[in-house]
Amino acid sequence: VEIAETIAAVGDEHGLDVAVEHIENPR
């Protein structure tokens, strides 16, 4: 989740609108 949230935050600095979605874990 930290990977995803970091990419979303850094992506915002690159003009990217990045959503992080949680789904039920199939594993």
mmCIF file of all heavy atoms, coordinates in Angstrom:
data_MODEL
# 
_entry.id   MODEL 
# 
loop_
_atom_site.group_PDB 
_atom_site.id 
_atom_site.type_symbol 
_atom_site.label_atom_id 
_atom_site.label_alt_id 
_atom_site.label_comp_id 
_atom_site.label_asym_id 
_atom_site.label_entity_id 
_atom_site.label_seq_id 
_atom_site.pdbx_PDB_ins_code 
_atom_site.Cartn_x 
_atom_site.Cartn_y 
_atom_site.Cartn_z 
_atom_site.occupancy 
_atom_site.B_iso_or_equiv 
_atom_site.pdbx_formal_charge 
_atom_site.auth_seq_id 
_atom_site.auth_comp_id 
_atom_site.auth_asym_id 
_atom_site.auth_atom_id 
_atom_site.pdbx_PDB_model_num 
ATOM 1   N N   . VAL A 1 1  ? 0.832   -1.198  0.000   1.00 0.00 ? 1  VAL A N   1 
ATOM 2   C CA  . VAL A 1 1  ? 0.000   0.000   0.000   1.00 0.00 ? 1  VAL A CA  1 
ATOM 3   C C   . VAL A 1 1  ? 0.872   1.256   0.000   1.00 0.00 ? 1  VAL A C   1 
ATOM 4   O O   . VAL A 1 1  ? 0.517   2.272   -0.635  1.00 0.00 ? 1  VAL A O   1 
ATOM 5   C CB  . VAL A 1 1  ? -0.980  -0.004  1.192   1.00 0.00 ? 1  VAL A CB  1 
ATOM 6   C CG1 . VAL A 1 1  ? -0.266  0.167   2.530   1.00 0.00 ? 1  VAL A CG1 1 
ATOM 7   C CG2 . VAL A 1 1  ? -2.044  1.066   1.012   1.00 0.00 ? 1  VAL A CG2 1 
ATOM 8   N N   . GLU A 1 2  ? 2.032   1.225   0.659   1.00 0.00 ? 2  GLU A N   1 
ATOM 9   C CA  . GLU A 1 2  ? 2.929   2.384   0.635   1.00 0.00 ? 2  GLU A CA  1 
ATOM 10  C C   . GLU A 1 2  ? 3.490   2.600   -0.766  1.00 0.00 ? 2  GLU A C   1 
ATOM 11  O O   . GLU A 1 2  ? 3.647   3.746   -1.214  1.00 0.00 ? 2  GLU A O   1 
ATOM 12  C CB  . GLU A 1 2  ? 4.086   2.200   1.620   1.00 0.00 ? 2  GLU A CB  1 
ATOM 13  C CG  . GLU A 1 2  ? 5.021   3.413   1.682   1.00 0.00 ? 2  GLU A CG  1 
ATOM 14  C CD  . GLU A 1 2  ? 6.201   3.216   2.608   1.00 0.00 ? 2  GLU A CD  1 
ATOM 15  O OE1 . GLU A 1 2  ? 6.237   2.205   3.334   1.00 0.00 ? 2  GLU A OE1 1 
ATOM 16  O OE2 . GLU A 1 2  ? 7.099   4.086   2.597   1.00 0.00 ? 2  GLU A OE2 1 
ATOM 17  N N   . ILE A 1 3  ? 3.777   1.515   -1.471  1.00 0.00 ? 3  ILE A N   1 
ATOM 18  C CA  . ILE A 1 3  ? 4.229   1.640   -2.855  1.00 0.00 ? 3  ILE A CA  1 
ATOM 19  C C   . ILE A 1 3  ? 3.181   2.378   -3.679  1.00 0.00 ? 3  ILE A C   1 
ATOM 20  O O   . ILE A 1 3  ? 3.483   3.340   -4.399  1.00 0.00 ? 3  ILE A O   1 
ATOM 21  C CB  . ILE A 1 3  ? 4.493   0.253   -3.469  1.00 0.00 ? 3  ILE A CB  1 
ATOM 22  C CG1 . ILE A 1 3  ? 5.655   -0.444  -2.765  1.00 0.00 ? 3  ILE A CG1 1 
ATOM 23  C CG2 . ILE A 1 3  ? 4.784   0.360   -4.964  1.00 0.00 ? 3  ILE A CG2 1 
ATOM 24  C CD1 . ILE A 1 3  ? 5.789   -1.912  -3.137  1.00 0.00 ? 3  ILE A CD1 1 
ATOM 25  N N   . ALA A 1 4  ? 1.933   1.903   -3.572  1.00 0.00 ? 4  ALA A N   1 
ATOM 26  C CA  . ALA A 1 4  ? 0.852   2.509   -4.353  1.00 0.00 ? 4  ALA A CA  1 
ATOM 27  C C   . ALA A 1 4  ? 0.652   3.973   -3.975  1.00 0.00 ? 4  ALA A C   1 
ATOM 28  O O   . ALA A 1 4  ? 0.505   4.845   -4.854  1.00 0.00 ? 4  ALA A O   1 
ATOM 29  C CB  . ALA A 1 4  ? -0.433  1.715   -4.146  1.00 0.00 ? 4  ALA A CB  1 
ATOM 30  N N   . GLU A 1 5  ? 0.627   4.269   -2.692  1.00 0.00 ? 5  GLU A N   1 
ATOM 31  C CA  . GLU A 1 5  ? 0.374   5.648   -2.256  1.00 0.00 ? 5  GLU A CA  1 
ATOM 32  C C   . GLU A 1 5  ? 1.535   6.574   -2.620  1.00 0.00 ? 5  GLU A C   1 
ATOM 33  O O   . GLU A 1 5  ? 1.320   7.745   -2.964  1.00 0.00 ? 5  GLU A O   1 
ATOM 34  C CB  . GLU A 1 5  ? 0.113   5.664   -0.748  1.00 0.00 ? 5  GLU A CB  1 
ATOM 35  C CG  . GLU A 1 5  ? -1.231  5.018   -0.385  1.00 0.00 ? 5  GLU A CG  1 
ATOM 36  C CD  . GLU A 1 5  ? -1.463  4.914   1.113   1.00 0.00 ? 5  GLU A CD  1 
ATOM 37  O OE1 . GLU A 1 5  ? -0.498  5.173   1.874   1.00 0.00 ? 5  GLU A OE1 1 
ATOM 38  O OE2 . GLU A 1 5  ? -2.592  4.595   1.529   1.00 0.00 ? 5  GLU A OE2 1 
ATOM 39  N N   . THR A 1 6  ? 2.769   6.068   -2.583  1.00 0.00 ? 6  THR A N   1 
ATOM 40  C CA  . THR A 1 6  ? 3.921   6.882   -2.990  1.00 0.00 ? 6  THR A CA  1 
ATOM 41  C C   . THR A 1 6  ? 3.848   7.193   -4.473  1.00 0.00 ? 6  THR A C   1 
ATOM 42  O O   . THR A 1 6  ? 4.097   8.336   -4.897  1.00 0.00 ? 6  THR A O   1 
ATOM 43  C CB  . THR A 1 6  ? 5.240   6.146   -2.673  1.00 0.00 ? 6  THR A CB  1 
ATOM 44  O OG1 . THR A 1 6  ? 5.328   5.924   -1.263  1.00 0.00 ? 6  THR A OG1 1 
ATOM 45  C CG2 . THR A 1 6  ? 6.439   6.962   -3.137  1.00 0.00 ? 6  THR A CG2 1 
ATOM 46  N N   . ILE A 1 7  ? 3.499   6.189   -5.276  1.00 0.00 ? 7  ILE A N   1 
ATOM 47  C CA  . ILE A 1 7  ? 3.386   6.417   -6.722  1.00 0.00 ? 7  ILE A CA  1 
ATOM 48  C C   . ILE A 1 7  ? 2.266   7.408   -7.014  1.00 0.00 ? 7  ILE A C   1 
ATOM 49  O O   . ILE A 1 7  ? 2.391   8.281   -7.885  1.00 0.00 ? 7  ILE A O   1 
ATOM 50  C CB  . ILE A 1 7  ? 3.171   5.084   -7.457  1.00 0.00 ? 7  ILE A CB  1 
ATOM 51  C CG1 . ILE A 1 7  ? 4.453   4.255   -7.386  1.00 0.00 ? 7  ILE A CG1 1 
ATOM 52  C CG2 . ILE A 1 7  ? 2.756   5.302   -8.915  1.00 0.00 ? 7  ILE A CG2 1 
ATOM 53  C CD1 . ILE A 1 7  ? 4.324   2.843   -7.929  1.00 0.00 ? 7  ILE A CD1 1 
ATOM 54  N N   . ALA A 1 8  ? 1.170   7.312   -6.271  1.00 0.00 ? 8  ALA A N   1 
ATOM 55  C CA  . ALA A 1 8  ? 0.073   8.265   -6.466  1.00 0.00 ? 8  ALA A CA  1 
ATOM 56  C C   . ALA A 1 8  ? 0.525   9.686   -6.126  1.00 0.00 ? 8  ALA A C   1 
ATOM 57  O O   . ALA A 1 8  ? 0.227   10.636  -6.857  1.00 0.00 ? 8  ALA A O   1 
ATOM 58  C CB  . ALA A 1 8  ? -1.120  7.863   -5.608  1.00 0.00 ? 8  ALA A CB  1 
ATOM 59  N N   . ALA A 1 9  ? 1.270   9.837   -5.032  1.00 0.00 ? 9  ALA A N   1 
ATOM 60  C CA  . ALA A 1 9  ? 1.726   11.163  -4.616  1.00 0.00 ? 9  ALA A CA  1 
ATOM 61  C C   . ALA A 1 9  ? 2.748   11.736  -5.598  1.00 0.00 ? 9  ALA A C   1 
ATOM 62  O O   . ALA A 1 9  ? 2.653   12.909  -6.000  1.00 0.00 ? 9  ALA A O   1 
ATOM 63  C CB  . ALA A 1 9  ? 2.329   11.089  -3.221  1.00 0.00 ? 9  ALA A CB  1 
ATOM 64  N N   . VAL A 1 10 ? 3.717   10.923  -5.990  1.00 0.00 ? 10 VAL A N   1 
ATOM 65  C CA  . VAL A 1 10 ? 4.715   11.395  -6.950  1.00 0.00 ? 10 VAL A CA  1 
ATOM 66  C C   . VAL A 1 10 ? 4.072   11.617  -8.312  1.00 0.00 ? 10 VAL A C   1 
ATOM 67  O O   . VAL A 1 10 ? 4.415   12.553  -9.046  1.00 0.00 ? 10 VAL A O   1 
ATOM 68  C CB  . VAL A 1 10 ? 5.885   10.389  -7.055  1.00 0.00 ? 10 VAL A CB  1 
ATOM 69  C CG1 . VAL A 1 10 ? 6.899   10.840  -8.097  1.00 0.00 ? 10 VAL A CG1 1 
ATOM 70  C CG2 . VAL A 1 10 ? 6.567   10.229  -5.698  1.00 0.00 ? 10 VAL A CG2 1 
ATOM 71  N N   . GLY A 1 11 ? 3.104   10.763  -8.654  1.00 0.00 ? 11 GLY A N   1 
ATOM 72  C CA  . GLY A 1 11 ? 2.387   10.932  -9.919  1.00 0.00 ? 11 GLY A CA  1 
ATOM 73  C C   . GLY A 1 11 ? 1.663   12.257  -9.997  1.00 0.00 ? 11 GLY A C   1 
ATOM 74  O O   . GLY A 1 11 ? 1.593   12.880  -11.066 1.00 0.00 ? 11 GLY A O   1 
ATOM 75  N N   . ASP A 1 12 ? 1.145   12.708  -8.864  1.00 0.00 ? 12 ASP A N   1 
ATOM 76  C CA  . ASP A 1 12 ? 0.466   14.003  -8.825  1.00 0.00 ? 12 ASP A CA  1 
ATOM 77  C C   . ASP A 1 12 ? 1.420   15.124  -9.230  1.00 0.00 ? 12 ASP A C   1 
ATOM 78  O O   . ASP A 1 12 ? 1.033   16.074  -9.920  1.00 0.00 ? 12 ASP A O   1 
ATOM 79  C CB  . ASP A 1 12 ? -0.088  14.250  -7.421  1.00 0.00 ? 12 ASP A CB  1 
ATOM 80  C CG  . ASP A 1 12 ? -0.924  15.518  -7.341  1.00 0.00 ? 12 ASP A CG  1 
ATOM 81  O OD1 . ASP A 1 12 ? -1.949  15.593  -8.038  1.00 0.00 ? 12 ASP A OD1 1 
ATOM 82  O OD2 . ASP A 1 12 ? -0.532  16.427  -6.587  1.00 0.00 ? 12 ASP A OD2 1 
ATOM 83  N N   . GLU A 1 13 ? 2.701   15.006  -8.829  1.00 0.00 ? 13 GLU A N   1 
ATOM 84  C CA  . GLU A 1 13 ? 3.703   15.996  -9.198  1.00 0.00 ? 13 GLU A CA  1 
ATOM 85  C C   . GLU A 1 13 ? 4.011   15.952  -10.698 1.00 0.00 ? 13 GLU A C   1 
ATOM 86  O O   . GLU A 1 13 ? 4.537   16.914  -11.257 1.00 0.00 ? 13 GLU A O   1 
ATOM 87  C CB  . GLU A 1 13 ? 4.983   15.746  -8.404  1.00 0.00 ? 13 GLU A CB  1 
ATOM 88  C CG  . GLU A 1 13 ? 4.801   15.875  -6.897  1.00 0.00 ? 13 GLU A CG  1 
ATOM 89  C CD  . GLU A 1 13 ? 6.022   15.427  -6.129  1.00 0.00 ? 13 GLU A CD  1 
ATOM 90  O OE1 . GLU A 1 13 ? 7.045   15.122  -6.783  1.00 0.00 ? 13 GLU A OE1 1 
ATOM 91  O OE2 . GLU A 1 13 ? 5.975   15.367  -4.881  1.00 0.00 ? 13 GLU A OE2 1 
ATOM 92  N N   . HIS A 1 14 ? 3.685   14.816  -11.339 1.00 0.00 ? 14 HIS A N   1 
ATOM 93  C CA  . HIS A 1 14 ? 3.895   14.665  -12.783 1.00 0.00 ? 14 HIS A CA  1 
ATOM 94  C C   . HIS A 1 14 ? 2.611   14.924  -13.579 1.00 0.00 ? 14 HIS A C   1 
ATOM 95  O O   . HIS A 1 14 ? 2.538   14.619  -14.775 1.00 0.00 ? 14 HIS A O   1 
ATOM 96  C CB  . HIS A 1 14 ? 4.396   13.256  -13.092 1.00 0.00 ? 14 HIS A CB  1 
ATOM 97  C CG  . HIS A 1 14 ? 5.835   13.017  -12.714 1.00 0.00 ? 14 HIS A CG  1 
ATOM 98  N ND1 . HIS A 1 14 ? 6.254   12.931  -11.407 1.00 0.00 ? 14 HIS A ND1 1 
ATOM 99  C CD2 . HIS A 1 14 ? 6.943   12.849  -13.487 1.00 0.00 ? 14 HIS A CD2 1 
ATOM 100 C CE1 . HIS A 1 14 ? 7.557   12.722  -11.381 1.00 0.00 ? 14 HIS A CE1 1 
ATOM 101 N NE2 . HIS A 1 14 ? 8.000   12.675  -12.611 1.00 0.00 ? 14 HIS A NE2 1 
ATOM 102 N N   . GLY A 1 15 ? 1.598   15.456  -12.905 1.00 0.00 ? 15 GLY A N   1 
ATOM 103 C CA  . GLY A 1 15 ? 0.334   15.755  -13.580 1.00 0.00 ? 15 GLY A CA  1 
ATOM 104 C C   . GLY A 1 15 ? -0.521  14.533  -13.836 1.00 0.00 ? 15 GLY A C   1 
ATOM 105 O O   . GLY A 1 15 ? -1.408  14.564  -14.698 1.00 0.00 ? 15 GLY A O   1 
ATOM 106 N N   . LEU A 1 16 ? -0.290  13.467  -13.084 1.00 0.00 ? 16 LEU A N   1 
ATOM 107 C CA  . LEU A 1 16 ? -1.061  12.237  -13.250 1.00 0.00 ? 16 LEU A CA  1 
ATOM 108 C C   . LEU A 1 16 ? -2.109  12.139  -12.145 1.00 0.00 ? 16 LEU A C   1 
ATOM 109 O O   . LEU A 1 16 ? -1.820  12.385  -10.974 1.00 0.00 ? 16 LEU A O   1 
ATOM 110 C CB  . LEU A 1 16 ? -0.142  11.008  -13.196 1.00 0.00 ? 16 LEU A CB  1 
ATOM 111 C CG  . LEU A 1 16 ? 1.003   10.953  -14.212 1.00 0.00 ? 16 LEU A CG  1 
ATOM 112 C CD1 . LEU A 1 16 ? 1.908   9.764   -13.914 1.00 0.00 ? 16 LEU A CD1 1 
ATOM 113 C CD2 . LEU A 1 16 ? 0.448   10.852  -15.634 1.00 0.00 ? 16 LEU A CD2 1 
ATOM 114 N N   . ASP A 1 17 ? -3.315  11.787  -12.512 1.00 0.00 ? 17 ASP A N   1 
ATOM 115 C CA  . ASP A 1 17 ? -4.393  11.593  -11.542 1.00 0.00 ? 17 ASP A CA  1 
ATOM 116 C C   . ASP A 1 17 ? -4.464  10.106  -11.237 1.00 0.00 ? 17 ASP A C   1 
ATOM 117 O O   . ASP A 1 17 ? -5.068  9.334   -11.980 1.00 0.00 ? 17 ASP A O   1 
ATOM 118 C CB  . ASP A 1 17 ? -5.715  12.101  -12.115 1.00 0.00 ? 17 ASP A CB  1 
ATOM 119 C CG  . ASP A 1 17 ? -6.857  12.015  -11.112 1.00 0.00 ? 17 ASP A CG  1 
ATOM 120 O OD1 . ASP A 1 17 ? -6.563  11.784  -9.916  1.00 0.00 ? 17 ASP A OD1 1 
ATOM 121 O OD2 . ASP A 1 17 ? -8.027  12.144  -11.516 1.00 0.00 ? 17 ASP A OD2 1 
ATOM 122 N N   . VAL A 1 18 ? -3.825  9.696   -10.149 1.00 0.00 ? 18 VAL A N   1 
ATOM 123 C CA  . VAL A 1 18 ? -3.667  8.277   -9.844  1.00 0.00 ? 18 VAL A CA  1 
ATOM 124 C C   . VAL A 1 18 ? -4.569  7.879   -8.687  1.00 0.00 ? 18 VAL A C   1 
ATOM 125 O O   . VAL A 1 18 ? -4.482  8.446   -7.590  1.00 0.00 ? 18 VAL A O   1 
ATOM 126 C CB  . VAL A 1 18 ? -2.204  7.943   -9.483  1.00 0.00 ? 18 VAL A CB  1 
ATOM 127 C CG1 . VAL A 1 18 ? -2.040  6.443   -9.284  1.00 0.00 ? 18 VAL A CG1 1 
ATOM 128 C CG2 . VAL A 1 18 ? -1.262  8.461   -10.561 1.00 0.00 ? 18 VAL A CG2 1 
ATOM 129 N N   . ALA A 1 19 ? -5.443  6.918   -8.933  1.00 0.00 ? 19 ALA A N   1 
ATOM 130 C CA  . ALA A 1 19 ? -6.325  6.410   -7.888  1.00 0.00 ? 19 ALA A CA  1 
ATOM 131 C C   . ALA A 1 19 ? -5.754  5.110   -7.330  1.00 0.00 ? 19 ALA A C   1 
ATOM 132 O O   . ALA A 1 19 ? -5.172  4.304   -8.060  1.00 0.00 ? 19 ALA A O   1 
ATOM 133 C CB  . ALA A 1 19 ? -7.721  6.158   -8.451  1.00 0.00 ? 19 ALA A CB  1 
ATOM 134 N N   . VAL A 1 20 ? -5.911  4.912   -6.026  1.00 0.00 ? 20 VAL A N   1 
ATOM 135 C CA  . VAL A 1 20 ? -5.514  3.662   -5.374  1.00 0.00 ? 20 VAL A CA  1 
ATOM 136 C C   . VAL A 1 20 ? -6.780  2.963   -4.902  1.00 0.00 ? 20 VAL A C   1 
ATOM 137 O O   . VAL A 1 20 ? -7.564  3.533   -4.134  1.00 0.00 ? 20 VAL A O   1 
ATOM 138 C CB  . VAL A 1 20 ? -4.579  3.927   -4.182  1.00 0.00 ? 20 VAL A CB  1 
ATOM 139 C CG1 . VAL A 1 20 ? -4.227  2.611   -3.481  1.00 0.00 ? 20 VAL A CG1 1 
ATOM 140 C CG2 . VAL A 1 20 ? -3.313  4.647   -4.635  1.00 0.00 ? 20 VAL A CG2 1 
ATOM 141 N N   . GLU A 1 21 ? -7.007  1.752   -5.380  1.00 0.00 ? 21 GLU A N   1 
ATOM 142 C CA  . GLU A 1 21 ? -8.210  1.002   -5.050  1.00 0.00 ? 21 GLU A CA  1 
ATOM 143 C C   . GLU A 1 21 ? -7.841  -0.271  -4.300  1.00 0.00 ? 21 GLU A C   1 
ATOM 144 O O   . GLU A 1 21 ? -6.889  -0.968  -4.663  1.00 0.00 ? 21 GLU A O   1 
ATOM 145 C CB  . GLU A 1 21 ? -8.986  0.637   -6.320  1.00 0.00 ? 21 GLU A CB  1 
ATOM 146 C CG  . GLU A 1 21 ? -9.517  1.846   -7.086  1.00 0.00 ? 21 GLU A CG  1 
ATOM 147 C CD  . GLU A 1 21 ? -10.300 1.434   -8.324  1.00 0.00 ? 21 GLU A CD  1 
ATOM 148 O OE1 . GLU A 1 21 ? -10.318 0.211   -8.634  1.00 0.00 ? 21 GLU A OE1 1 
ATOM 149 O OE2 . GLU A 1 21 ? -10.874 2.318   -8.980  1.00 0.00 ? 21 GLU A OE2 1 
ATOM 150 N N   . HIS A 1 22 ? -8.602  -0.584  -3.264  1.00 0.00 ? 22 HIS A N   1 
ATOM 151 C CA  . HIS A 1 22 ? -8.419  -1.823  -2.508  1.00 0.00 ? 22 HIS A CA  1 
ATOM 152 C C   . HIS A 1 22 ? -9.523  -2.796  -2.910  1.00 0.00 ? 22 HIS A C   1 
ATOM 153 O O   . HIS A 1 22 ? -10.704 -2.427  -2.962  1.00 0.00 ? 22 HIS A O   1 
ATOM 154 C CB  . HIS A 1 22 ? -8.492  -1.557  -0.999  1.00 0.00 ? 22 HIS A CB  1 
ATOM 155 C CG  . HIS A 1 22 ? -7.331  -0.770  -0.472  1.00 0.00 ? 22 HIS A CG  1 
ATOM 156 N ND1 . HIS A 1 22 ? -6.298  -1.347  0.226   1.00 0.00 ? 22 HIS A ND1 1 
ATOM 157 C CD2 . HIS A 1 22 ? -7.040  0.561   -0.553  1.00 0.00 ? 22 HIS A CD2 1 
ATOM 158 C CE1 . HIS A 1 22 ? -5.412  -0.414  0.559   1.00 0.00 ? 22 HIS A CE1 1 
ATOM 159 N NE2 . HIS A 1 22 ? -5.847  0.756   0.106   1.00 0.00 ? 22 HIS A NE2 1 
ATOM 160 N N   . ILE A 1 23 ? -9.138  -4.030  -3.214  1.00 0.00 ? 23 ILE A N   1 
ATOM 161 C CA  . ILE A 1 23 ? -10.122 -5.064  -3.527  1.00 0.00 ? 23 ILE A CA  1 
ATOM 162 C C   . ILE A 1 23 ? -9.868  -6.268  -2.631  1.00 0.00 ? 23 ILE A C   1 
ATOM 163 O O   . ILE A 1 23 ? -8.786  -6.400  -2.032  1.00 0.00 ? 23 ILE A O   1 
ATOM 164 C CB  . ILE A 1 23 ? -10.069 -5.492  -5.008  1.00 0.00 ? 23 ILE A CB  1 
ATOM 165 C CG1 . ILE A 1 23 ? -8.719  -6.148  -5.339  1.00 0.00 ? 23 ILE A CG1 1 
ATOM 166 C CG2 . ILE A 1 23 ? -10.341 -4.309  -5.923  1.00 0.00 ? 23 ILE A CG2 1 
ATOM 167 C CD1 . ILE A 1 23 ? -8.677  -6.742  -6.737  1.00 0.00 ? 23 ILE A CD1 1 
ATOM 168 N N   . GLU A 1 24 ? -10.842 -7.134  -2.540  1.00 0.00 ? 24 GLU A N   1 
ATOM 169 C CA  . GLU A 1 24 ? -10.693 -8.321  -1.704  1.00 0.00 ? 24 GLU A CA  1 
ATOM 170 C C   . GLU A 1 24 ? -9.508  -9.152  -2.183  1.00 0.00 ? 24 GLU A C   1 
ATOM 171 O O   . GLU A 1 24 ? -9.324  -9.370  -3.380  1.00 0.00 ? 24 GLU A O   1 
ATOM 172 C CB  . GLU A 1 24 ? -11.968 -9.160  -1.747  1.00 0.00 ? 24 GLU A CB  1 
ATOM 173 C CG  . GLU A 1 24 ? -11.913 -10.369 -0.831  1.00 0.00 ? 24 GLU A CG  1 
ATOM 174 C CD  . GLU A 1 24 ? -13.220 -11.152 -0.833  1.00 0.00 ? 24 GLU A CD  1 
ATOM 175 O OE1 . GLU A 1 24 ? -14.198 -10.679 -1.460  1.00 0.00 ? 24 GLU A OE1 1 
ATOM 176 O OE2 . GLU A 1 24 ? -13.247 -12.230 -0.211  1.00 0.00 ? 24 GLU A OE2 1 
ATOM 177 N N   . ASN A 1 25 ? -8.704  -9.591  -1.255  1.00 0.00 ? 25 ASN A N   1 
ATOM 178 C CA  . ASN A 1 25 ? -7.490  -10.337 -1.595  1.00 0.00 ? 25 ASN A CA  1 
ATOM 179 C C   . ASN A 1 25 ? -7.826  -11.756 -2.028  1.00 0.00 ? 25 ASN A C   1 
ATOM 180 O O   . ASN A 1 25 ? -8.362  -12.535 -1.239  1.00 0.00 ? 25 ASN A O   1 
ATOM 181 C CB  . ASN A 1 25 ? -6.537  -10.363 -0.386  1.00 0.00 ? 25 ASN A CB  1 
ATOM 182 C CG  . ASN A 1 25 ? -5.138  -10.799 -0.764  1.00 0.00 ? 25 ASN A CG  1 
ATOM 183 O OD1 . ASN A 1 25 ? -4.905  -11.343 -1.839  1.00 0.00 ? 25 ASN A OD1 1 
ATOM 184 N ND2 . ASN A 1 25 ? -4.200  -10.582 0.133   1.00 0.00 ? 25 ASN A ND2 1 
ATOM 185 N N   . PRO A 1 26 ? -7.515  -12.123 -3.285  1.00 0.00 ? 26 PRO A N   1 
ATOM 186 C CA  . PRO A 1 26 ? -7.791  -13.486 -3.742  1.00 0.00 ? 26 PRO A CA  1 
ATOM 187 C C   . PRO A 1 26 ? -6.719  -14.477 -3.308  1.00 0.00 ? 26 PRO A C   1 
ATOM 188 O O   . PRO A 1 26 ? -6.860  -15.682 -3.513  1.00 0.00 ? 26 PRO A O   1 
ATOM 189 C CB  . PRO A 1 26 ? -7.793  -13.328 -5.266  1.00 0.00 ? 26 PRO A CB  1 
ATOM 190 C CG  . PRO A 1 26 ? -6.802  -12.241 -5.522  1.00 0.00 ? 26 PRO A CG  1 
ATOM 191 C CD  . PRO A 1 26 ? -6.948  -11.277 -4.356  1.00 0.00 ? 26 PRO A CD  1 
ATOM 192 N N   . ARG A 1 27 ? -5.627  -13.980 -2.717  1.00 0.00 ? 27 ARG A N   1 
ATOM 193 C CA  . ARG A 1 27 ? -4.499  -14.829 -2.343  1.00 0.00 ? 27 ARG A CA  1 
ATOM 194 C C   . ARG A 1 27 ? -4.598  -15.256 -0.882  1.00 0.00 ? 27 ARG A C   1 
ATOM 195 O O   . ARG A 1 27 ? -5.075  -14.510 -0.034  1.00 0.00 ? 27 ARG A O   1 
ATOM 196 C CB  . ARG A 1 27 ? -3.177  -14.088 -2.561  1.00 0.00 ? 27 ARG A CB  1 
ATOM 197 C CG  . ARG A 1 27 ? -2.942  -13.646 -3.987  1.00 0.00 ? 27 ARG A CG  1 
ATOM 198 C CD  . ARG A 1 27 ? -1.747  -12.707 -4.049  1.00 0.00 ? 27 ARG A CD  1 
ATOM 199 N NE  . ARG A 1 27 ? -1.453  -12.280 -5.412  1.00 0.00 ? 27 ARG A NE  1 
ATOM 200 C CZ  . ARG A 1 27 ? -0.694  -11.247 -5.725  1.00 0.00 ? 27 ARG A CZ  1 
ATOM 201 N NH1 . ARG A 1 27 ? -0.128  -10.543 -4.759  1.00 0.00 ? 27 ARG A NH1 1 
ATOM 202 N NH2 . ARG A 1 27 ? -0.480  -10.921 -6.987  1.00 0.00 ? 27 ARG A NH2 1 
# 
